[in-house]
């Protein structure tokens, strides 16, 4: 249960710095790595405005990395790969 609390933000405050949003093929990617013990779990929010409404998809992967900076880079790369593979289908 504590894993789920950590994964979904119920395990207390995270001291994660804020990474700048990146734009990729009309999508906005917010890298939001999740602190998991001494490592960072890959996580990102992908947003896009469709028909005047902001659609969002939360990407969380099991991969963990030692540094926050590496986790941010990997989170953006995974989000870009998901966009390339699925496009707007990620919002369904």
PDB file of N, CA and C in Angstrom:
ATOM      1  N   UNK A   1       0.817  -1.190   0.000  1.00  0.00           N
ATOM      2  CA  UNK A   1       0.000   0.000   0.000  1.00  0.00           C
ATOM      3  C   UNK A   1       0.863   1.257   0.000  1.00  0.00           C
ATOM      4  N   UNK A   2       1.997   1.245   0.719  1.00  0.00           N
ATOM      5  CA  UNK A   2       2.833   2.434   0.775  1.00  0.00           C
ATOM      6  C   UNK A   2       3.401   2.780  -0.597  1.00  0.00           C
ATOM      7  N   UNK A   3       3.636   1.756  -1.439  1.00  0.00           N
ATOM      8  CA  UNK A   3       4.100   2.034  -2.800  1.00  0.00           C
ATOM      9  C   UNK A   3       3.071   2.863  -3.555  1.00  0.00           C
ATOM     10  N   UNK A   4       1.787   2.490  -3.436  1.00  0.00           N
ATOM     11  CA  UNK A   4       0.736   3.230  -4.130  1.00  0.00           C
ATOM     12  C   UNK A   4       0.613   4.644  -3.598  1.00  0.00           C
ATOM     13  N   UNK A   5       0.778   4.806  -2.297  1.00  0.00           N
ATOM     14  CA  UNK A   5       0.727   6.155  -1.722  1.00  0.00           C
ATOM     15  C   UNK A   5       1.840   7.018  -2.301  1.00  0.00           C
ATOM     16  N   UNK A   6       3.042   6.447  -2.389  1.00  0.00           N
ATOM     17  CA  UNK A   6       4.166   7.186  -2.957  1.00  0.00           C
ATOM     18  C   UNK A   6       3.927   7.495  -4.429  1.00  0.00           C
ATOM     19  N   UNK A   7       3.408   6.502  -5.145  1.00  0.00           N
ATOM     20  CA  UNK A   7       3.196   6.636  -6.575  1.00  0.00           C
ATOM     21  C   UNK A   7       2.181   7.720  -6.896  1.00  0.00           C
ATOM     22  N   UNK A   8       1.108   7.779  -6.096  1.00  0.00           N
ATOM     23  CA  UNK A   8       0.033   8.721  -6.390  1.00  0.00           C
ATOM     24  C   UNK A   8       0.009   9.921  -5.460  1.00  0.00           C
ATOM     25  N   UNK A   9       1.083  10.154  -4.743  1.00  0.00           N
ATOM     26  CA  UNK A   9       1.208  11.383  -3.978  1.00  0.00           C
ATOM     27  C   UNK A   9       0.632  11.338  -2.582  1.00  0.00           C
ATOM     28  N   UNK A  10       0.224  10.192  -2.079  1.00  0.00           N
ATOM     29  CA  UNK A  10      -0.328  10.132  -0.748  1.00  0.00           C
ATOM     30  C   UNK A  10       0.701   9.868   0.330  1.00  0.00           C
ATOM     31  N   UNK A  11       1.942   9.770  -0.038  1.00  0.00           N
ATOM     32  CA  UNK A  11       2.983   9.405   0.917  1.00  0.00           C
ATOM     33  C   UNK A  11       3.742  10.577   1.486  1.00  0.00           C
ATOM     34  N   UNK A  12       3.136  11.736   1.552  1.00  0.00           N
ATOM     35  CA  UNK A  12       3.823  12.888   2.102  1.00  0.00           C
ATOM     36  C   UNK A  12       4.336  13.791   1.005  1.00  0.00           C
ATOM     37  N   UNK A  13       4.916  14.899   1.395  1.00  0.00           N
ATOM     38  CA  UNK A  13       5.384  15.878   0.423  1.00  0.00           C
ATOM     39  C   UNK A  13       6.635  15.421  -0.298  1.00  0.00           C
ATOM     40  N   UNK A  14       6.740  15.789  -1.547  1.00  0.00           N
ATOM     41  CA  UNK A  14       7.926  15.473  -2.322  1.00  0.00           C
ATOM     42  C   UNK A  14       8.769  16.725  -2.432  1.00  0.00           C
ATOM     43  N   UNK A  15      10.067  16.586  -2.317  1.00  0.00           N
ATOM     44  CA  UNK A  15      10.945  17.736  -2.397  1.00  0.00           C
ATOM     45  C   UNK A  15      11.478  17.914  -3.817  1.00  0.00           C
ATOM     46  N   UNK A  16      10.705  17.467  -4.798  1.00  0.00           N
ATOM     47  CA  UNK A  16      11.142  17.536  -6.188  1.00  0.00           C
ATOM     48  C   UNK A  16      11.152  18.974  -6.683  1.00  0.00           C
ATOM     49  N   UNK A  17      12.241  19.384  -7.313  1.00  0.00           N
ATOM     50  CA  UNK A  17      12.252  20.687  -7.950  1.00  0.00           C
ATOM     51  C   UNK A  17      11.296  20.678  -9.143  1.00  0.00           C
ATOM     52  N   UNK A  18      10.977  21.825  -9.642  1.00  0.00           N
ATOM     53  CA  UNK A  18      10.065  21.907 -10.782  1.00  0.00           C
ATOM     54  C   UNK A  18      10.861  22.000 -12.082  1.00  0.00           C
ATOM     55  N   UNK A  19      10.565  21.080 -13.006  1.00  0.00           N
ATOM     56  CA  UNK A  19      11.230  21.099 -14.318  1.00  0.00           C
ATOM     57  C   UNK A  19      10.388  21.943 -15.275  1.00  0.00           C
ATOM     58  N   UNK A  20      11.021  22.672 -16.183  1.00  0.00           N
ATOM     59  CA  UNK A  20      10.252  23.463 -17.145  1.00  0.00           C
ATOM     60  C   UNK A  20       9.480  22.573 -18.119  1.00  0.00           C
ATOM     61  N   UNK A  21       8.322  23.043 -18.522  1.00  0.00           N
ATOM     62  CA  UNK A  21       7.507  22.315 -19.503  1.00  0.00           C
ATOM     63  C   UNK A  21       8.207  22.360 -20.856  1.00  0.00           C
ATOM     64  N   UNK A  22       7.995  21.309 -21.639  1.00  0.00           N
ATOM     65  CA  UNK A  22       8.560  21.243 -22.988  1.00  0.00           C
ATOM     66  C   UNK A  22       7.429  21.042 -23.978  1.00  0.00           C
ATOM     67  N   UNK A  23       7.545  21.666 -25.147  1.00  0.00           N
ATOM     68  CA  UNK A  23       6.567  21.501 -26.207  1.00  0.00           C
ATOM     69  C   UNK A  23       7.125  20.527 -27.233  1.00  0.00           C
ATOM     70  N   UNK A  24       6.256  19.575 -27.662  1.00  0.00           N
ATOM     71  CA  UNK A  24       6.671  18.563 -28.626  1.00  0.00           C
ATOM     72  C   UNK A  24       5.483  18.242 -29.515  1.00  0.00           C
ATOM     73  N   UNK A  25       5.565  18.553 -30.780  1.00  0.00           N
ATOM     74  CA  UNK A  25       4.545  18.251 -31.790  1.00  0.00           C
ATOM     75  C   UNK A  25       3.140  18.685 -31.359  1.00  0.00           C
ATOM     76  N   UNK A  26       3.039  19.860 -30.747  1.00  0.00           N
ATOM     77  CA  UNK A  26       1.742  20.383 -30.331  1.00  0.00           C
ATOM     78  C   UNK A  26       1.294  19.936 -28.953  1.00  0.00           C
ATOM     79  N   UNK A  27       2.070  19.107 -28.283  1.00  0.00           N
ATOM     80  CA  UNK A  27       1.774  18.635 -26.934  1.00  0.00           C
ATOM     81  C   UNK A  27       2.685  19.375 -25.960  1.00  0.00           C
ATOM     82  N   UNK A  28       2.233  19.507 -24.730  1.00  0.00           N
ATOM     83  CA  UNK A  28       3.068  20.068 -23.677  1.00  0.00           C
ATOM     84  C   UNK A  28       3.398  18.942 -22.708  1.00  0.00           C
ATOM     85  N   UNK A  29       4.681  18.766 -22.430  1.00  0.00           N
ATOM     86  CA  UNK A  29       5.153  17.706 -21.555  1.00  0.00           C
ATOM     87  C   UNK A  29       5.687  18.339 -20.274  1.00  0.00           C
ATOM     88  N   UNK A  30       5.145  17.870 -19.151  1.00  0.00           N
ATOM     89  CA  UNK A  30       5.602  18.303 -17.839  1.00  0.00           C
ATOM     90  C   UNK A  30       6.283  17.108 -17.182  1.00  0.00           C
ATOM     91  N   UNK A  31       7.609  17.126 -17.113  1.00  0.00           N
ATOM     92  CA  UNK A  31       8.340  16.043 -16.445  1.00  0.00           C
ATOM     93  C   UNK A  31       8.096  16.182 -14.951  1.00  0.00           C
ATOM     94  N   UNK A  32       7.585  15.110 -14.327  1.00  0.00           N
ATOM     95  CA  UNK A  32       7.259  15.121 -12.906  1.00  0.00           C
ATOM     96  C   UNK A  32       7.757  13.847 -12.231  1.00  0.00           C
ATOM     97  N   UNK A  33       9.089  13.633 -12.220  1.00  0.00           N
ATOM     98  CA  UNK A  33       9.616  12.416 -11.587  1.00  0.00           C
ATOM     99  C   UNK A  33       9.127  12.291 -10.148  1.00  0.00           C
ATOM    100  N   UNK A  34       8.907  11.051  -9.725  1.00  0.00           N
ATOM    101  CA  UNK A  34       8.394  10.767  -8.394  1.00  0.00           C
ATOM    102  C   UNK A  34       9.531  10.226  -7.532  1.00  0.00           C
ATOM    103  N   UNK A  35       9.745  10.847  -6.380  1.00  0.00           N
ATOM    104  CA  UNK A  35      10.777  10.385  -5.448  1.00  0.00           C
ATOM    105  C   UNK A  35      10.354   9.022  -4.905  1.00  0.00           C
ATOM    106  N   UNK A  36      11.242   8.039  -5.010  1.00  0.00           N
ATOM    107  CA  UNK A  36      10.951   6.683  -4.560  1.00  0.00           C
ATOM    108  C   UNK A  36      12.154   6.179  -3.779  1.00  0.00           C
ATOM    109  N   UNK A  37      12.153   6.422  -2.496  1.00  0.00           N
ATOM    110  CA  UNK A  37      13.315   6.085  -1.669  1.00  0.00           C
ATOM    111  C   UNK A  37      14.494   6.955  -2.073  1.00  0.00           C
ATOM    112  N   UNK A  38      15.589   6.317  -2.480  1.00  0.00           N
ATOM    113  CA  UNK A  38      16.779   7.057  -2.904  1.00  0.00           C
ATOM    114  C   UNK A  38      16.860   7.256  -4.407  1.00  0.00           C
ATOM    115  N   UNK A  39      15.776   6.933  -5.130  1.00  0.00           N
ATOM    116  CA  UNK A  39      15.772   7.056  -6.589  1.00  0.00           C
ATOM    117  C   UNK A  39      14.584   7.893  -7.041  1.00  0.00           C
ATOM    118  N   UNK A  40      14.516   8.125  -8.353  1.00  0.00           N
ATOM    119  CA  UNK A  40      13.424   8.891  -8.971  1.00  0.00           C
ATOM    120  C   UNK A  40      12.736   8.034 -10.021  1.00  0.00           C
ATOM    121  N   UNK A  41      11.423   7.896  -9.905  1.00  0.00           N
ATOM    122  CA  UNK A  41      10.614   7.121 -10.854  1.00  0.00           C
ATOM    123  C   UNK A  41      10.224   8.011 -12.030  1.00  0.00           C
ATOM    124  N   UNK A  42      10.296   7.477 -13.243  1.00  0.00           N
ATOM    125  CA  UNK A  42       9.929   8.213 -14.454  1.00  0.00           C
ATOM    126  C   UNK A  42       8.439   8.520 -14.440  1.00  0.00           C
ATOM    127  N   UNK A  43       8.101   9.794 -14.618  1.00  0.00           N
ATOM    128  CA  UNK A  43       6.708  10.224 -14.631  1.00  0.00           C
ATOM    129  C   UNK A  43       6.609  11.559 -15.362  1.00  0.00           C
ATOM    130  N   UNK A  44       5.536  11.713 -16.123  1.00  0.00           N
ATOM    131  CA  UNK A  44       5.304  12.969 -16.838  1.00  0.00           C
ATOM    132  C   UNK A  44       3.815  13.146 -17.095  1.00  0.00           C
ATOM    133  N   UNK A  45       3.396  14.380 -17.198  1.00  0.00           N
ATOM    134  CA  UNK A  45       2.030  14.716 -17.599  1.00  0.00           C
ATOM    135  C   UNK A  45       2.097  15.264 -19.019  1.00  0.00           C
ATOM    136  N   UNK A  46       1.244  14.734 -19.885  1.00  0.00           N
ATOM    137  CA  UNK A  46       1.187  15.185 -21.279  1.00  0.00           C
ATOM    138  C   UNK A  46      -0.144  15.893 -21.473  1.00  0.00           C
ATOM    139  N   UNK A  47      -0.098  17.112 -22.008  1.00  0.00           N
ATOM    140  CA  UNK A  47      -1.317  17.875 -22.239  1.00  0.00           C
ATOM    141  C   UNK A  47      -1.383  18.371 -23.673  1.00  0.00           C
ATOM    142  N   UNK A  48      -2.627  18.531 -24.146  1.00  0.00           N
ATOM    143  CA  UNK A  48      -2.852  19.106 -25.460  1.00  0.00           C
ATOM    144  C   UNK A  48      -4.261  19.697 -25.483  1.00  0.00           C
ATOM    145  N   UNK A  49      -4.390  20.852 -26.115  1.00  0.00           N
ATOM    146  CA  UNK A  49      -5.708  21.448 -26.276  1.00  0.00           C
ATOM    147  C   UNK A  49      -6.366  20.849 -27.518  1.00  0.00           C
ATOM    148  N   UNK A  50      -7.546  20.265 -27.321  1.00  0.00           N
ATOM    149  CA  UNK A  50      -8.305  19.656 -28.408  1.00  0.00           C
ATOM    150  C   UNK A  50      -9.725  20.201 -28.335  1.00  0.00           C
ATOM    151  N   UNK A  51     -10.165  20.839 -29.404  1.00  0.00           N
ATOM    152  CA  UNK A  51     -11.511  21.424 -29.485  1.00  0.00           C
ATOM    153  C   UNK A  51     -11.785  22.356 -28.311  1.00  0.00           C
ATOM    154  N   UNK A  52     -10.793  23.161 -27.943  1.00  0.00           N
ATOM    155  CA  UNK A  52     -10.957  24.146 -26.884  1.00  0.00           C
ATOM    156  C   UNK A  52     -10.876  23.587 -25.472  1.00  0.00           C
ATOM    157  N   UNK A  53     -10.587  22.305 -25.330  1.00  0.00           N
ATOM    158  CA  UNK A  53     -10.504  21.670 -24.011  1.00  0.00           C
ATOM    159  C   UNK A  53      -9.106  21.094 -23.814  1.00  0.00           C
ATOM    160  N   UNK A  54      -8.535  21.320 -22.623  1.00  0.00           N
ATOM    161  CA  UNK A  54      -7.222  20.762 -22.308  1.00  0.00           C
ATOM    162  C   UNK A  54      -7.390  19.298 -21.911  1.00  0.00           C
ATOM    163  N   UNK A  55      -6.761  18.416 -22.665  1.00  0.00           N
ATOM    164  CA  UNK A  55      -6.756  16.985 -22.364  1.00  0.00           C
ATOM    165  C   UNK A  55      -5.422  16.671 -21.693  1.00  0.00           C
ATOM    166  N   UNK A  56      -5.433  15.742 -20.742  1.00  0.00           N
ATOM    167  CA  UNK A  56      -4.204  15.395 -20.031  1.00  0.00           C
ATOM    168  C   UNK A  56      -4.088  13.888 -19.878  1.00  0.00           C
ATOM    169  N   UNK A  57      -2.845  13.421 -19.903  1.00  0.00           N
ATOM    170  CA  UNK A  57      -2.540  12.007 -19.681  1.00  0.00           C
ATOM    171  C   UNK A  57      -1.364  11.937 -18.716  1.00  0.00           C
ATOM    172  N   UNK A  58      -1.483  11.105 -17.679  1.00  0.00           N
ATOM    173  CA  UNK A  58      -0.397  10.918 -16.723  1.00  0.00           C
ATOM    174  C   UNK A  58       0.376   9.662 -17.087  1.00  0.00           C
ATOM    175  N   UNK A  59       1.657   9.811 -17.314  1.00  0.00           N
ATOM    176  CA  UNK A  59       2.557   8.717 -17.675  1.00  0.00           C
ATOM    177  C   UNK A  59       3.395   8.376 -16.445  1.00  0.00           C
ATOM    178  N   UNK A  60       3.354   7.129 -15.999  1.00  0.00           N
ATOM    179  CA  UNK A  60       4.191   6.668 -14.889  1.00  0.00           C
ATOM    180  C   UNK A  60       4.800   5.343 -15.309  1.00  0.00           C
ATOM    181  N   UNK A  61       6.098   5.220 -15.154  1.00  0.00           N
ATOM    182  CA  UNK A  61       6.806   4.005 -15.517  1.00  0.00           C
ATOM    183  C   UNK A  61       7.499   3.414 -14.286  1.00  0.00           C
ATOM    184  N   UNK A  62       7.818   2.152 -14.359  1.00  0.00           N
ATOM    185  CA  UNK A  62       8.495   1.476 -13.253  1.00  0.00           C
ATOM    186  C   UNK A  62       9.976   1.834 -13.191  1.00  0.00           C
ATOM    187  N   UNK A  63      10.532   2.350 -14.280  1.00  0.00           N
ATOM    188  CA  UNK A  63      11.957   2.679 -14.342  1.00  0.00           C
ATOM    189  C   UNK A  63      12.315   3.705 -13.266  1.00  0.00           C
ATOM    190  N   UNK A  64      13.442   3.498 -12.615  1.00  0.00           N
ATOM    191  CA  UNK A  64      13.943   4.482 -11.658  1.00  0.00           C
ATOM    192  C   UNK A  64      15.378   4.847 -12.007  1.00  0.00           C
ATOM    193  N   UNK A  65      15.735   6.067 -11.670  1.00  0.00           N
ATOM    194  CA  UNK A  65      17.080   6.574 -11.926  1.00  0.00           C
ATOM    195  C   UNK A  65      17.606   7.236 -10.661  1.00  0.00           C
ATOM    196  N   UNK A  66      18.925   7.327 -10.563  1.00  0.00           N
ATOM    197  CA  UNK A  66      19.552   7.867  -9.355  1.00  0.00           C
ATOM    198  C   UNK A  66      19.408   9.380  -9.220  1.00  0.00           C
ATOM    199  N   UNK A  67      19.502  10.111 -10.322  1.00  0.00           N
ATOM    200  CA  UNK A  67      19.462  11.569 -10.213  1.00  0.00           C
ATOM    201  C   UNK A  67      18.158  12.138 -10.769  1.00  0.00           C
ATOM    202  N   UNK A  68      17.737  13.233 -10.167  1.00  0.00           N
ATOM    203  CA  UNK A  68      16.530  13.921 -10.609  1.00  0.00           C
ATOM    204  C   UNK A  68      16.669  14.374 -12.065  1.00  0.00           C
ATOM    205  N   UNK A  69      17.825  14.927 -12.411  1.00  0.00           N
ATOM    206  CA  UNK A  69      18.048  15.428 -13.766  1.00  0.00           C
ATOM    207  C   UNK A  69      17.924  14.319 -14.811  1.00  0.00           C
ATOM    208  N   UNK A  70      18.484  13.158 -14.510  1.00  0.00           N
ATOM    209  CA  UNK A  70      18.370  12.015 -15.431  1.00  0.00           C
ATOM    210  C   UNK A  70      16.920  11.553 -15.544  1.00  0.00           C
ATOM    211  N   UNK A  71      16.192  11.582 -14.432  1.00  0.00           N
ATOM    212  CA  UNK A  71      14.787  11.179 -14.445  1.00  0.00           C
ATOM    213  C   UNK A  71      13.942  12.155 -15.260  1.00  0.00           C
ATOM    214  N   UNK A  72      14.267  13.440 -15.207  1.00  0.00           N
ATOM    215  CA  UNK A  72      13.553  14.439 -16.018  1.00  0.00           C
ATOM    216  C   UNK A  72      13.781  14.156 -17.496  1.00  0.00           C
ATOM    217  N   UNK A  73      15.034  13.946 -17.879  1.00  0.00           N
ATOM    218  CA  UNK A  73      15.362  13.658 -19.285  1.00  0.00           C
ATOM    219  C   UNK A  73      14.658  12.389 -19.774  1.00  0.00           C
ATOM    220  N   UNK A  74      14.689  11.346 -18.951  1.00  0.00           N
ATOM    221  CA  UNK A  74      14.059  10.085 -19.326  1.00  0.00           C
ATOM    222  C   UNK A  74      12.539  10.222 -19.385  1.00  0.00           C
ATOM    223  N   UNK A  75      11.959  11.004 -18.487  1.00  0.00           N
ATOM    224  CA  UNK A  75      10.512  11.228 -18.484  1.00  0.00           C
ATOM    225  C   UNK A  75      10.065  11.927 -19.761  1.00  0.00           C
ATOM    226  N   UNK A  76      10.819  12.932 -20.188  1.00  0.00           N
ATOM    227  CA  UNK A  76      10.502  13.643 -21.428  1.00  0.00           C
ATOM    228  C   UNK A  76      10.656  12.706 -22.625  1.00  0.00           C
ATOM    229  N   UNK A  77      11.735  11.927 -22.639  1.00  0.00           N
ATOM    230  CA  UNK A  77      11.962  10.995 -23.751  1.00  0.00           C
ATOM    231  C   UNK A  77      10.846   9.953 -23.842  1.00  0.00           C
ATOM    232  N   UNK A  78      10.408   9.404 -22.703  1.00  0.00           N
ATOM    233  CA  UNK A  78       9.314   8.421 -22.705  1.00  0.00           C
ATOM    234  C   UNK A  78       8.013   9.066 -23.171  1.00  0.00           C
ATOM    235  N   UNK A  79       7.773  10.294 -22.755  1.00  0.00           N
ATOM    236  CA  UNK A  79       6.563  11.005 -23.178  1.00  0.00           C
ATOM    237  C   UNK A  79       6.589  11.253 -24.683  1.00  0.00           C
ATOM    238  N   UNK A  80       7.727  11.659 -25.219  1.00  0.00           N
ATOM    239  CA  UNK A  80       7.848  11.878 -26.663  1.00  0.00           C
ATOM    240  C   UNK A  80       7.621  10.580 -27.431  1.00  0.00           C
ATOM    241  N   UNK A  81       8.155   9.471 -26.919  1.00  0.00           N
ATOM    242  CA  UNK A  81       7.978   8.181 -27.569  1.00  0.00           C
ATOM    243  C   UNK A  81       6.497   7.783 -27.564  1.00  0.00           C
ATOM    244  N   UNK A  82       5.802   8.017 -26.458  1.00  0.00           N
ATOM    245  CA  UNK A  82       4.380   7.707 -26.377  1.00  0.00           C
ATOM    246  C   UNK A  82       3.572   8.558 -27.358  1.00  0.00           C
ATOM    247  N   UNK A  83       3.923   9.826 -27.470  1.00  0.00           N
ATOM    248  CA  UNK A  83       3.253  10.713 -28.429  1.00  0.00           C
ATOM    249  C   UNK A  83       3.478  10.212 -29.853  1.00  0.00           C
ATOM    250  N   UNK A  84       4.716   9.840 -30.174  1.00  0.00           N
ATOM    251  CA  UNK A  84       5.024   9.329 -31.513  1.00  0.00           C
ATOM    252  C   UNK A  84       4.246   8.051 -31.822  1.00  0.00           C
ATOM    253  N   UNK A  85       4.088   7.191 -30.828  1.00  0.00           N
ATOM    254  CA  UNK A  85       3.427   5.904 -31.036  1.00  0.00           C
ATOM    255  C   UNK A  85       1.905   6.008 -31.068  1.00  0.00           C
ATOM    256  N   UNK A  86       1.319   6.860 -30.201  1.00  0.00           N
ATOM    257  CA  UNK A  86      -0.123   6.843 -30.046  1.00  0.00           C
ATOM    258  C   UNK A  86      -0.832   8.148 -30.395  1.00  0.00           C
ATOM    259  N   UNK A  87      -0.112   9.251 -30.434  1.00  0.00           N
ATOM    260  CA  UNK A  87      -0.753  10.526 -30.760  1.00  0.00           C
ATOM    261  C   UNK A  87      -1.897  10.833 -29.809  1.00  0.00           C
ATOM    262  N   UNK A  88      -3.004  11.353 -30.351  1.00  0.00           N
ATOM    263  CA  UNK A  88      -4.135  11.750 -29.521  1.00  0.00           C
ATOM    264  C   UNK A  88      -4.860  10.581 -28.863  1.00  0.00           C
ATOM    265  N   UNK A  89      -4.559   9.353 -29.260  1.00  0.00           N
ATOM    266  CA  UNK A  89      -5.196   8.189 -28.634  1.00  0.00           C
ATOM    267  C   UNK A  89      -4.855   8.053 -27.157  1.00  0.00           C
ATOM    268  N   UNK A  90      -3.789   8.704 -26.708  1.00  0.00           N
ATOM    269  CA  UNK A  90      -3.430   8.630 -25.286  1.00  0.00           C
ATOM    270  C   UNK A  90      -4.505   9.258 -24.404  1.00  0.00           C
ATOM    271  N   UNK A  91      -5.358  10.091 -24.978  1.00  0.00           N
ATOM    272  CA  UNK A  91      -6.392  10.773 -24.182  1.00  0.00           C
ATOM    273  C   UNK A  91      -7.699   9.993 -24.133  1.00  0.00           C
ATOM    274  N   UNK A  92      -7.772   8.857 -24.781  1.00  0.00           N
ATOM    275  CA  UNK A  92      -9.010   8.072 -24.789  1.00  0.00           C
ATOM    276  C   UNK A  92      -9.038   7.048 -23.698  1.00  0.00           C
TER     277      UNK A  92
END
